[in-house]
Amino acid sequence: MTASQKSRIAKIGIGILVALLVAGVAAHLWLTQRVKSILSEEIPAHIHLNYEGLTTNVFLGNIKLKNVKVQDSTTSFHLKAETVSLSGLKYLPLLQKGNITISEFLVESPQVTYQKKKTEHDSITSSQNQREPKNINIQNFRIHNGQLKLLQPDSDSTLAQLEGVEVLVTDIIHSAEIASQSLPFTFGEYEIETQKGYYDLGPLEDLQWQSAKLNTTEGSIQKLQLHTKYSWEELSKKLAVEHDHYNLVIDSVLLKQPDFGMTDHSPKFHLEALELHHPIFEVYRDKLLPDDTTHKKLYNQALRDLDFDLLVNTIHISEGMVAYEERLEADVEPESLRFTDISATIRNLHSKGSGMVSVAAQSQLMGDGQLTLDWSFDPQSQSNDFLASGSLKQFRTENISPFLRTNLGAEVKGTIDQMYFTISGNETESQGDMKMAYDQFEFVVLKKDKLGVNKLLTALVNIFAKESSKADRDGFRHGDFKVKRQPDKSFFNYLWLNVKSGLVDTMTGKGKQRKK
């Protein structure tokens, strides 16, 4: 090859390189200007976007905005982010049909505040949304180190707050075919993780958690807490009628196979299994306040009236504890009724489905006697039918005397060896039977000031019980009972009325099993 030929090839190569550089610079400038144009001209008027820097890479299809601020005037949506970037923009579908296909959309350290306003701007928003929707395909959507705050619609107080939000959603697709649906996009797999979280349940209670994770197959929540915002003394001052003071702490919550979304324009939430480990639930009730006389739904109706499709195949509760206190007198410190070592399994919990919901629970009453409860009901039963049965074994009654002393003005002695009961009922009435075997069982009726024994009433009660203490050959005394429901009381009050009626009839009745 001659020197002139080499020179010519070098010039051609340099020319091609210069042409490529010029084309690259031109393409870069075009892409930058095109992005600026889209951001300034094609964003709806009610959305205000500001950013401090824009960088692009035409060869890699990358676009990055720095120090981004977004505000939606119709909903009081505010977003601040360190960066918003997309990468792997595909030019061919964009140039051919205007479709947007990108490999990754990343939002770094966003701080989002949202407050829904009144709907006076809905007509403006809907008219703007009538333009032809574009097809959008995002292979990976990510949020790193986000913060979210939702404000109450009528004030600046916090409705919900999330910290340390990490999100990954794959295969997001928005198209004309699904643009009008309630959820206008489809997606593949997802992973969501948060650190501290808060949700305001209303004027009296809130919900908090230490951390939470959720993906397409499972989820978990650590240190979930539901509690009353005020001390019980402060709560009593704020109430016109009685309302329980709550403190619930659950060490961990596990969710398996979550499935949520929309079905026939209504929300659905399905789970294969839900596990609650070590829940501690403390309830305090101030009975010095006026009664709340509103109608209390039984669980059949409460589930049936839910405005979403709920289905949890199995719920497991382990190592639980429930403590209940009632304040009956201003100058008497209440004693607690405690259920410890609670384990329970709830099956087929549903709101729109079919079949019976069943509950099987075991616990220790006051840390001593073995207590069981089996309970079933159909949410679709309009009469709110239910069936419950239970047992109590080897219970030393002195353990419950402090609670009975403050709540019923009585004490008990002796041991309940075995007690069994069955209850069937509905919205208005119930009936059942009980049998019990006990040893040296005795009531002690206290004086009104609870500082001494009412010897006369104590003697009468125990003589009456002993005179009718005939038992069957297995040592059981039998009783039957019927109860009218108090519709302004809860299901568990209804259950207690049945058990109490059964105890009275078993101890003071004829003792023998009645012929059916």
Protein backbone atom coordinates (compact mmCIF):
# COMPACT_ATOMS: atom_id res chain seq x y z
CA MET A 1 0.00 0.00 0.00
CA THR A 2 1.38 3.35 -1.07
CA ALA A 3 1.73 6.33 1.21
CA SER A 4 -1.01 8.17 -0.69
CA GLN A 5 -3.43 5.27 -0.17
CA LYS A 6 -2.65 5.15 3.51
CA SER A 7 -3.22 8.87 3.78
CA ARG A 8 -6.53 8.57 1.98
CA ILE A 9 -7.70 5.75 4.32
CA ALA A 10 -6.64 7.76 7.36
CA LYS A 11 -8.58 10.77 6.10
CA ILE A 12 -11.66 8.60 5.49
CA GLY A 13 -11.37 7.10 8.96
CA ILE A 14 -10.97 10.49 10.56
CA GLY A 15 -13.92 11.74 8.55
CA ILE A 16 -16.11 8.85 9.67
CA LEU A 17 -15.04 9.40 13.27
CA VAL A 18 -15.76 13.10 13.07
CA ALA A 19 -19.12 12.34 11.45
CA LEU A 20 -19.95 9.91 14.23
CA LEU A 21 -18.92 12.42 16.86
CA VAL A 22 -20.98 15.13 15.22
CA ALA A 23 -23.93 12.75 14.90
CA GLY A 24 -23.50 11.70 18.52
CA VAL A 25 -23.36 15.28 19.73
CA ALA A 26 -26.36 16.15 17.58
CA ALA A 27 -28.29 13.14 18.86
CA HIS A 28 -27.33 14.03 22.42
CA LEU A 29 -28.48 17.62 21.95
CA TRP A 30 -31.66 16.45 20.25
CA LEU A 31 -32.44 13.99 23.05
CA THR A 32 -31.74 16.59 25.72
CA GLN A 33 -33.91 19.18 24.02
CA ARG A 34 -36.63 16.61 23.33
CA VAL A 35 -36.73 15.57 26.98
CA LYS A 36 -36.88 19.22 28.08
CA SER A 37 -39.68 19.82 25.61
CA ILE A 38 -41.70 16.84 26.85
CA LEU A 39 -41.21 17.84 30.48
CA SER A 40 -42.33 21.42 29.81
CA GLU A 41 -45.11 20.90 27.26
CA GLU A 42 -46.68 17.44 27.69
CA ILE A 43 -47.08 17.25 31.47
CA PRO A 44 -50.66 18.16 32.54
CA ALA A 45 -51.13 21.75 33.69
CA HIS A 46 -52.03 20.80 37.25
CA ILE A 47 -48.66 19.05 37.72
CA HIS A 48 -45.73 21.40 38.38
CA LEU A 49 -42.24 19.96 37.79
CA ASN A 50 -38.94 21.57 38.73
CA TYR A 51 -35.42 20.14 38.56
CA GLU A 52 -31.90 21.52 38.86
CA GLY A 53 -30.02 19.34 36.39
CA LEU A 54 -30.65 17.11 33.38
CA THR A 55 -28.13 14.66 31.94
CA THR A 56 -28.63 12.24 29.06
CA ASN A 57 -26.69 9.46 27.34
CA VAL A 58 -28.05 8.84 23.89
CA PHE A 59 -26.04 5.68 23.31
CA LEU A 60 -27.24 3.94 26.50
CA GLY A 61 -30.70 5.48 26.43
CA ASN A 62 -30.21 7.07 29.88
CA ILE A 63 -31.95 10.17 31.26
CA LYS A 64 -31.37 11.58 34.76
CA LEU A 65 -32.97 14.49 36.58
CA LYS A 66 -31.37 15.89 39.75
CA ASN A 67 -33.05 17.55 42.75
CA VAL A 68 -36.53 16.94 41.41
CA LYS A 69 -39.65 18.59 42.80
CA VAL A 70 -43.17 17.64 41.71
CA GLN A 71 -46.45 19.14 42.89
CA ASP A 72 -50.02 18.18 41.91
CA SER A 73 -52.38 21.05 42.71
CA THR A 74 -55.52 18.87 42.56
CA THR A 75 -54.47 16.45 45.29
CA SER A 76 -51.71 18.28 47.25
CA PHE A 77 -49.16 15.72 46.07
CA HIS A 78 -45.59 16.83 46.74
CA LEU A 79 -42.45 14.92 45.80
CA LYS A 80 -38.81 15.75 46.39
CA ALA A 81 -36.14 13.36 45.12
CA GLU A 82 -32.36 13.46 44.85
CA THR A 83 -32.53 11.89 41.40
CA VAL A 84 -35.08 10.43 39.01
CA SER A 85 -33.47 8.38 36.26
CA LEU A 86 -34.40 5.98 33.51
CA SER A 87 -32.04 3.74 31.60
CA GLY A 88 -32.20 1.47 28.58
CA LEU A 89 -34.67 3.59 26.60
CA LYS A 90 -35.60 1.72 23.40
CA TYR A 91 -35.67 4.13 20.45
CA LEU A 92 -37.30 1.95 17.77
CA PRO A 93 -40.76 1.56 19.44
CA LEU A 94 -40.58 5.22 20.48
CA LEU A 95 -39.92 6.45 16.95
CA GLN A 96 -42.34 4.01 15.27
CA LYS A 97 -45.44 4.28 17.48
CA GLY A 98 -44.53 6.57 20.33
CA ASN A 99 -44.39 3.69 22.80
CA ILE A 100 -42.10 4.01 25.81
CA THR A 101 -39.99 0.98 26.72
CA ILE A 102 -37.22 1.26 29.33
CA SER A 103 -35.09 -1.18 31.28
CA GLU A 104 -35.15 0.61 34.63
CA PHE A 105 -36.85 3.55 36.29
CA LEU A 106 -35.13 4.59 39.53
CA VAL A 107 -36.19 7.18 42.12
CA GLU A 108 -33.51 7.97 44.72
CA SER A 109 -34.40 9.19 48.23
CA PRO A 110 -37.89 10.47 47.42
CA GLN A 111 -39.88 12.33 50.07
CA VAL A 112 -43.58 12.16 49.24
CA THR A 113 -46.37 14.07 50.95
CA TYR A 114 -49.95 13.48 49.86
CA GLN A 115 -53.24 15.00 50.97
CA LYS A 116 -56.42 14.39 49.02
CA LYS A 117 -58.50 17.53 48.58
CA LYS A 118 -62.14 17.98 47.74
CA THR A 119 -63.10 16.90 44.22
CA GLU A 120 -63.62 20.38 42.75
CA HIS A 121 -60.86 19.74 40.15
CA ASP A 122 -62.07 16.33 39.05
CA SER A 123 -63.66 17.63 35.86
CA ILE A 124 -60.39 19.30 34.82
CA THR A 125 -58.37 16.21 35.54
CA SER A 126 -60.73 13.90 33.70
CA SER A 127 -60.80 16.07 30.58
CA GLN A 128 -57.02 16.10 30.44
CA ASN A 129 -56.89 12.38 30.83
CA GLN A 130 -58.99 11.82 27.75
CA ARG A 131 -55.97 12.15 25.41
CA GLU A 132 -54.84 8.97 23.69
CA PRO A 133 -52.89 6.89 26.24
CA LYS A 134 -49.40 5.74 25.31
CA ASN A 135 -48.13 2.23 25.78
CA ILE A 136 -45.53 2.14 28.55
CA ASN A 137 -43.35 -0.83 29.47
CA ILE A 138 -40.97 -0.60 32.45
CA GLN A 139 -38.96 -3.74 33.08
CA ASN A 140 -37.82 -2.68 36.58
CA PHE A 141 -39.24 0.14 38.69
CA ARG A 142 -37.24 0.96 41.83
CA ILE A 143 -37.54 3.30 44.79
CA HIS A 144 -34.52 3.58 47.11
CA ASN A 145 -34.62 5.06 50.62
CA GLY A 146 -38.04 6.66 50.27
CA GLN A 147 -40.26 8.44 52.77
CA LEU A 148 -44.03 8.72 52.51
CA LYS A 149 -46.40 10.87 54.53
CA LEU A 150 -50.18 10.89 54.02
CA LEU A 151 -52.07 13.78 55.62
CA GLN A 152 -55.65 13.78 56.85
CA PRO A 153 -58.04 15.21 54.22
CA ASP A 154 -59.23 18.00 56.52
CA SER A 155 -56.07 18.87 58.47
CA ASP A 156 -52.29 18.74 58.44
CA SER A 157 -52.17 15.89 60.95
CA THR A 158 -50.57 12.63 59.80
CA LEU A 159 -52.76 9.80 58.54
CA ALA A 160 -49.91 7.45 57.63
CA GLN A 161 -46.13 7.57 57.47
CA LEU A 162 -43.43 5.22 56.12
CA GLU A 163 -39.66 5.49 56.45
CA GLY A 164 -36.84 3.67 54.68
CA VAL A 165 -39.02 2.56 51.77
CA GLU A 166 -37.45 0.17 49.24
CA VAL A 167 -39.54 -0.91 46.23
CA LEU A 168 -38.92 -3.15 43.23
CA VAL A 169 -41.70 -3.86 40.73
CA THR A 170 -41.03 -5.76 37.52
CA ASP A 171 -42.75 -5.79 34.11
CA ILE A 172 -45.04 -2.79 34.54
CA ILE A 173 -47.26 -2.41 31.49
CA HIS A 174 -49.71 0.40 30.75
CA SER A 175 -51.70 0.23 27.53
CA ALA A 176 -54.80 1.64 25.90
CA GLU A 177 -56.71 -1.58 26.62
CA ILE A 178 -56.37 -1.23 30.39
CA ALA A 179 -56.13 2.56 30.73
CA SER A 180 -59.77 2.87 31.86
CA GLN A 181 -59.59 0.13 34.48
CA SER A 182 -59.49 0.92 38.20
CA LEU A 183 -55.85 -0.25 38.21
CA PRO A 184 -54.58 1.08 34.86
CA PHE A 185 -51.50 -1.11 34.63
CA THR A 186 -50.33 -4.67 35.14
CA PHE A 187 -47.15 -5.82 36.85
CA GLY A 188 -45.11 -8.95 37.47
CA GLU A 189 -43.26 -9.56 40.71
CA TYR A 190 -42.79 -7.02 43.50
CA GLU A 191 -40.73 -6.49 46.64
CA ILE A 192 -41.62 -3.80 49.18
CA GLU A 193 -39.72 -3.08 52.37
CA THR A 194 -40.16 -0.35 54.98
CA GLN A 195 -38.59 0.55 58.27
CA LYS A 196 -40.75 2.40 60.80
CA GLY A 197 -44.40 2.74 59.87
CA TYR A 198 -47.43 4.53 61.34
CA TYR A 199 -51.15 4.55 60.54
CA ASP A 200 -53.82 6.61 62.30
CA LEU A 201 -56.89 4.43 62.95
CA GLY A 202 -59.05 7.33 64.11
CA PRO A 203 -59.36 9.78 66.99
CA LEU A 204 -58.44 7.21 69.66
CA GLU A 205 -56.11 4.49 68.29
CA ASP A 206 -53.11 4.17 65.99
CA LEU A 207 -51.02 1.40 64.44
CA GLN A 208 -47.20 1.26 64.37
CA TRP A 209 -44.54 -1.21 63.30
CA GLN A 210 -40.76 -1.49 63.44
CA SER A 211 -40.22 -2.93 59.96
CA ALA A 212 -42.20 -4.69 57.23
CA LYS A 213 -41.53 -6.68 54.06
CA LEU A 214 -43.85 -7.93 51.33
CA ASN A 215 -43.33 -9.71 48.04
CA THR A 216 -45.35 -11.93 45.72
CA THR A 217 -44.97 -15.04 47.92
CA GLU A 218 -44.71 -13.86 51.53
CA GLY A 219 -44.54 -10.95 53.91
CA SER A 220 -43.58 -10.11 57.46
CA ILE A 221 -44.09 -7.37 60.04
CA GLN A 222 -41.88 -6.95 63.07
CA LYS A 223 -43.11 -5.44 66.34
CA LEU A 224 -46.63 -4.53 65.27
CA GLN A 225 -48.39 -2.32 67.83
CA LEU A 226 -51.99 -1.14 68.12
CA HIS A 227 -52.64 1.09 71.08
CA THR A 228 -54.78 3.89 72.41
CA LYS A 229 -53.20 7.31 71.96
CA TYR A 230 -53.92 8.36 75.55
CA SER A 231 -53.49 6.92 79.02
CA TRP A 232 -56.65 5.35 80.41
CA GLU A 233 -57.11 8.34 82.74
CA GLU A 234 -56.90 10.79 79.81
CA LEU A 235 -59.14 8.57 77.68
CA SER A 236 -61.90 8.54 80.31
CA LYS A 237 -61.91 12.35 80.35
CA LYS A 238 -62.40 12.49 76.58
CA LEU A 239 -65.24 9.94 76.33
CA ALA A 240 -69.00 10.48 76.54
CA VAL A 241 -69.64 6.72 76.71
CA GLU A 242 -67.40 3.78 77.60
CA HIS A 243 -64.72 2.70 75.13
CA ASP A 244 -61.98 0.17 75.77
CA HIS A 245 -58.38 1.25 76.23
CA TYR A 246 -56.16 -1.01 74.10
CA ASN A 247 -52.51 -2.01 74.09
CA LEU A 248 -51.63 -4.76 71.61
CA VAL A 249 -48.05 -5.76 70.78
CA ILE A 250 -47.25 -8.61 68.36
CA ASP A 251 -43.61 -9.68 68.08
CA SER A 252 -43.93 -10.86 64.49
CA VAL A 253 -46.59 -11.30 61.80
CA LEU A 254 -46.00 -13.61 58.84
CA LEU A 255 -48.08 -13.63 55.65
CA LYS A 256 -47.99 -16.42 53.05
CA GLN A 257 -49.15 -16.22 49.44
CA PRO A 258 -50.71 -12.72 49.51
CA ASP A 259 -53.09 -11.93 46.68
CA PHE A 260 -54.61 -8.49 46.59
CA GLY A 261 -56.03 -6.18 43.97
CA MET A 262 -59.44 -5.43 42.48
CA THR A 263 -62.29 -7.81 41.64
CA ASP A 264 -65.44 -6.42 40.02
CA HIS A 265 -64.39 -2.89 41.03
CA SER A 266 -64.07 -3.82 44.71
CA PRO A 267 -60.85 -4.50 46.64
CA LYS A 268 -59.79 -8.03 47.52
CA PHE A 269 -57.27 -9.33 50.03
CA HIS A 270 -56.55 -13.06 50.10
CA LEU A 271 -53.95 -14.97 52.11
CA GLU A 272 -53.03 -18.61 52.26
CA ALA A 273 -51.84 -18.27 55.87
CA LEU A 274 -51.34 -15.63 58.56
CA GLU A 275 -49.17 -16.28 61.62
CA LEU A 276 -49.18 -14.11 64.76
CA HIS A 277 -46.32 -14.87 67.14
CA HIS A 278 -46.38 -13.75 70.78
CA PRO A 279 -49.30 -11.27 70.76
CA ILE A 280 -49.81 -9.46 74.09
CA PHE A 281 -53.23 -7.78 74.32
CA GLU A 282 -54.18 -5.62 77.34
CA VAL A 283 -57.69 -4.20 77.58
CA TYR A 284 -58.96 -1.73 80.18
CA ARG A 285 -62.59 -0.66 80.51
CA ASP A 286 -63.87 2.19 82.67
CA LYS A 287 -67.36 1.07 83.75
CA LEU A 288 -67.91 4.37 85.59
CA LEU A 289 -68.68 5.92 82.20
CA PRO A 290 -72.17 5.59 80.64
CA ASP A 291 -72.74 2.43 78.59
CA ASP A 292 -72.39 2.53 74.83
CA THR A 293 -75.88 1.44 73.80
CA THR A 294 -75.25 1.15 70.06
CA HIS A 295 -75.90 -2.24 68.46
CA LYS A 296 -72.84 -4.50 68.41
CA LYS A 297 -72.55 -6.76 65.38
CA LEU A 298 -71.86 -10.44 65.83
CA TYR A 299 -68.89 -11.66 63.81
CA ASN A 300 -71.12 -13.15 61.09
CA GLN A 301 -72.50 -9.74 60.23
CA ALA A 302 -69.25 -7.86 60.84
CA LEU A 303 -67.51 -9.99 58.18
CA ARG A 304 -70.51 -9.99 55.85
CA ASP A 305 -70.67 -6.18 55.91
CA LEU A 306 -67.03 -5.65 54.91
CA ASP A 307 -66.79 -3.67 51.67
CA PHE A 308 -63.96 -5.82 50.32
CA ASP A 309 -63.36 -9.48 49.53
CA LEU A 310 -61.44 -10.96 52.49
CA LEU A 311 -60.23 -14.56 52.55
CA VAL A 312 -57.60 -16.01 54.88
CA ASN A 313 -57.40 -19.78 54.67
CA THR A 314 -55.57 -20.28 57.97
CA ILE A 315 -54.57 -18.08 60.90
CA HIS A 316 -52.18 -19.40 63.56
CA ILE A 317 -51.69 -17.64 66.91
CA SER A 318 -48.90 -18.75 69.25
CA GLU A 319 -47.65 -17.76 72.72
CA GLY A 320 -50.40 -15.19 73.19
CA MET A 321 -51.70 -13.40 76.28
CA VAL A 322 -54.87 -11.40 76.95
CA ALA A 323 -55.42 -9.35 80.11
CA TYR A 324 -58.73 -7.61 80.85
CA GLU A 325 -59.48 -5.08 83.60
CA GLU A 326 -62.67 -3.28 84.58
CA ARG A 327 -62.83 -0.18 86.72
CA LEU A 328 -66.06 -0.44 88.71
CA GLU A 329 -65.35 1.90 91.63
CA ALA A 330 -63.33 5.11 91.68
CA ASP A 331 -61.30 4.18 94.76
CA VAL A 332 -60.75 0.45 94.00
CA GLU A 333 -57.78 -0.63 91.90
CA PRO A 334 -59.07 -3.17 89.32
CA GLU A 335 -57.68 -6.69 89.10
CA SER A 336 -57.05 -8.35 85.75
CA LEU A 337 -58.57 -11.45 84.19
CA ARG A 338 -55.70 -13.15 82.34
CA PHE A 339 -55.51 -15.76 79.60
CA THR A 340 -51.93 -16.91 79.04
CA ASP A 341 -50.12 -19.37 76.74
CA ILE A 342 -52.78 -18.80 74.10
CA SER A 343 -52.56 -20.84 70.92
CA ALA A 344 -55.30 -20.78 68.32
CA THR A 345 -56.11 -21.77 64.74
CA ILE A 346 -58.73 -19.95 62.69
CA ARG A 347 -59.76 -21.46 59.36
CA ASN A 348 -61.65 -20.12 56.33
CA LEU A 349 -62.01 -16.53 57.54
CA HIS A 350 -63.95 -14.82 54.75
CA SER A 351 -66.37 -12.02 53.93
CA LYS A 352 -67.73 -12.97 50.49
CA GLY A 353 -66.98 -16.69 50.33
CA SER A 354 -68.79 -19.78 51.58
CA GLY A 355 -68.50 -22.32 54.37
CA MET A 356 -68.00 -22.12 58.10
CA VAL A 357 -65.39 -20.05 59.87
CA SER A 358 -63.90 -22.25 62.60
CA VAL A 359 -61.87 -21.28 65.66
CA ALA A 360 -59.98 -23.72 67.92
CA ALA A 361 -58.21 -22.06 70.87
CA GLN A 362 -56.37 -23.22 73.98
CA SER A 363 -55.03 -21.19 76.90
CA GLN A 364 -54.39 -21.13 80.61
CA LEU A 365 -56.91 -19.24 82.73
CA MET A 366 -55.07 -17.07 85.28
CA GLY A 367 -51.91 -19.06 84.56
CA ASP A 368 -53.44 -22.25 85.94
CA GLY A 369 -56.46 -24.08 84.49
CA GLN A 370 -56.45 -25.46 80.94
CA LEU A 371 -59.17 -23.66 78.97
CA THR A 372 -60.33 -24.59 75.45
CA LEU A 373 -62.82 -22.98 73.09
CA ASP A 374 -64.15 -24.31 69.76
CA TRP A 375 -66.37 -21.92 67.86
CA SER A 376 -67.86 -21.92 64.37
CA PHE A 377 -70.17 -19.66 62.37
CA ASP A 378 -71.19 -18.87 58.81
CA PRO A 379 -70.73 -15.21 57.76
CA GLN A 380 -73.54 -15.61 55.22
CA SER A 381 -76.08 -16.68 57.88
CA GLN A 382 -78.59 -13.83 58.07
CA SER A 383 -79.69 -14.97 61.54
CA ASN A 384 -76.04 -14.97 62.66
CA ASP A 385 -76.07 -18.55 63.93
CA PHE A 386 -73.08 -19.85 65.85
CA LEU A 387 -71.98 -22.94 67.78
CA ALA A 388 -69.45 -22.87 70.62
CA SER A 389 -68.11 -25.46 73.01
CA GLY A 390 -65.34 -25.43 75.56
CA SER A 391 -63.77 -26.96 78.61
CA LEU A 392 -61.87 -26.00 81.77
CA LYS A 393 -59.71 -28.50 83.64
CA GLN A 394 -57.75 -28.54 86.91
CA PHE A 395 -58.47 -24.94 87.82
CA ARG A 396 -57.74 -23.76 91.35
CA THR A 397 -60.42 -21.13 91.79
CA GLU A 398 -58.44 -19.07 94.31
CA ASN A 399 -56.48 -17.73 91.33
CA ILE A 400 -59.53 -15.89 90.03
CA SER A 401 -60.68 -14.57 93.43
CA PRO A 402 -58.87 -11.19 93.14
CA PHE A 403 -60.75 -10.48 89.90
CA LEU A 404 -64.09 -11.65 91.36
CA ARG A 405 -63.49 -9.63 94.52
CA THR A 406 -63.28 -6.33 92.61
CA ASN A 407 -65.81 -7.18 89.88
CA LEU A 408 -68.52 -9.29 91.57
CA GLY A 409 -67.97 -8.74 95.29
CA ALA A 410 -67.33 -12.45 95.81
CA GLU A 411 -64.57 -14.99 96.20
CA VAL A 412 -64.39 -18.70 95.45
CA LYS A 413 -62.52 -21.62 96.93
CA GLY A 414 -61.86 -25.13 95.77
CA THR A 415 -60.92 -26.75 92.45
CA ILE A 416 -62.84 -27.26 89.23
CA ASP A 417 -61.65 -30.69 88.13
CA GLN A 418 -63.48 -30.67 84.80
CA MET A 419 -66.10 -28.44 83.20
CA TYR A 420 -67.61 -28.79 79.71
CA PHE A 421 -70.16 -26.59 77.96
CA THR A 422 -71.91 -26.37 74.58
CA ILE A 423 -73.75 -23.29 73.31
CA SER A 424 -75.80 -22.76 70.17
CA GLY A 425 -77.31 -19.40 69.38
CA ASN A 426 -78.12 -16.63 66.95
CA GLU A 427 -78.59 -12.87 66.90
CA THR A 428 -81.20 -12.80 69.67
CA GLU A 429 -81.01 -15.90 71.88
CA SER A 430 -78.96 -18.95 72.76
CA GLN A 431 -79.20 -22.16 74.74
CA GLY A 432 -76.84 -24.84 75.93
CA ASP A 433 -75.81 -27.33 78.54
CA MET A 434 -72.95 -27.76 80.98
CA LYS A 435 -71.47 -30.43 83.18
CA MET A 436 -68.93 -29.92 85.93
CA ALA A 437 -66.98 -31.95 88.48
CA TYR A 438 -65.35 -30.03 91.34
CA ASP A 439 -63.77 -30.50 94.76
CA GLN A 440 -64.66 -28.50 97.90
CA PHE A 441 -66.12 -25.69 95.83
CA GLU A 442 -67.35 -22.76 97.93
CA PHE A 443 -68.53 -19.20 97.39
CA VAL A 444 -67.64 -16.35 99.73
CA VAL A 445 -69.96 -13.35 99.40
CA LEU A 446 -68.36 -10.11 100.54
CA LYS A 447 -69.92 -7.09 102.20
CA LYS A 448 -70.57 -4.04 100.04
CA ASP A 449 -67.32 -2.41 101.14
CA LYS A 450 -65.47 -5.67 100.28
CA LEU A 451 -63.69 -5.46 103.65
CA GLY A 452 -65.46 -8.40 105.25
CA VAL A 453 -67.53 -11.52 104.59
CA ASN A 454 -71.31 -11.43 104.43
CA LYS A 455 -71.69 -14.59 106.48
CA LEU A 456 -75.45 -14.94 106.04
CA LEU A 457 -75.42 -14.77 102.22
CA THR A 458 -72.32 -16.96 102.06
CA ALA A 459 -74.00 -19.64 104.16
CA LEU A 460 -77.24 -19.50 102.16
CA VAL A 461 -75.49 -19.77 98.80
CA ASN A 462 -73.30 -22.69 99.82
CA ILE A 463 -76.10 -24.58 101.59
CA PHE A 464 -78.25 -24.20 98.51
CA ALA A 465 -75.44 -25.44 96.30
CA LYS A 466 -74.56 -28.39 98.53
CA GLU A 467 -78.16 -29.51 99.02
CA SER A 468 -78.59 -29.81 95.27
CA SER A 469 -75.17 -31.28 94.62
CA LYS A 470 -76.29 -34.60 93.26
CA ALA A 471 -73.88 -35.83 90.63
CA ASP A 472 -73.94 -38.63 88.10
CA ARG A 473 -71.86 -41.78 88.53
CA ASP A 474 -68.87 -40.06 86.90
CA GLY A 475 -68.98 -37.23 89.43
CA PHE A 476 -70.45 -34.60 87.10
CA ARG A 477 -73.29 -32.23 87.88
CA HIS A 478 -75.35 -31.10 84.90
CA GLY A 479 -77.10 -27.87 84.02
CA ASP A 480 -79.12 -26.34 81.18
CA PHE A 481 -79.58 -22.70 80.31
CA LYS A 482 -81.18 -20.22 77.94
CA VAL A 483 -79.99 -16.67 77.45
CA LYS A 484 -81.35 -13.58 75.71
CA ARG A 485 -78.67 -11.58 73.98
CA GLN A 486 -78.01 -7.98 75.00
CA PRO A 487 -77.60 -6.40 71.53
CA ASP A 488 -75.51 -3.50 72.83
CA LYS A 489 -72.86 -5.93 74.14
CA SER A 490 -70.13 -7.86 72.33
CA PHE A 491 -70.10 -11.52 71.36
CA PHE A 492 -67.76 -12.34 74.23
CA ASN A 493 -70.18 -10.75 76.69
CA TYR A 494 -72.86 -12.97 75.11
CA LEU A 495 -70.59 -15.99 75.58
CA TRP A 496 -69.95 -15.07 79.22
CA LEU A 497 -73.69 -14.73 79.94
CA ASN A 498 -74.15 -18.30 78.70
CA VAL A 499 -71.30 -19.66 80.81
CA LYS A 500 -72.49 -17.77 83.89
CA SER A 501 -76.05 -19.06 83.47
CA GLY A 502 -74.66 -22.56 83.02
CA LEU A 503 -72.60 -22.31 86.22
CA VAL A 504 -75.61 -21.14 88.25
CA ASP A 505 -77.88 -23.90 86.96
CA THR A 506 -75.20 -26.57 87.30
CA MET A 507 -74.40 -25.71 90.91
CA THR A 508 -77.85 -24.84 92.23
CA GLY A 509 -80.08 -27.02 90.04
CA LYS A 510 -80.97 -30.66 90.36
CA GLY A 511 -77.52 -31.73 89.28
CA LYS A 512 -78.63 -34.73 87.23
CA GLN A 513 -78.70 -34.64 83.44
CA ARG A 514 -82.18 -33.83 82.25
CA LYS A 515 -83.93 -36.18 79.89
CA LYS A 516 -84.27 -34.85 76.38
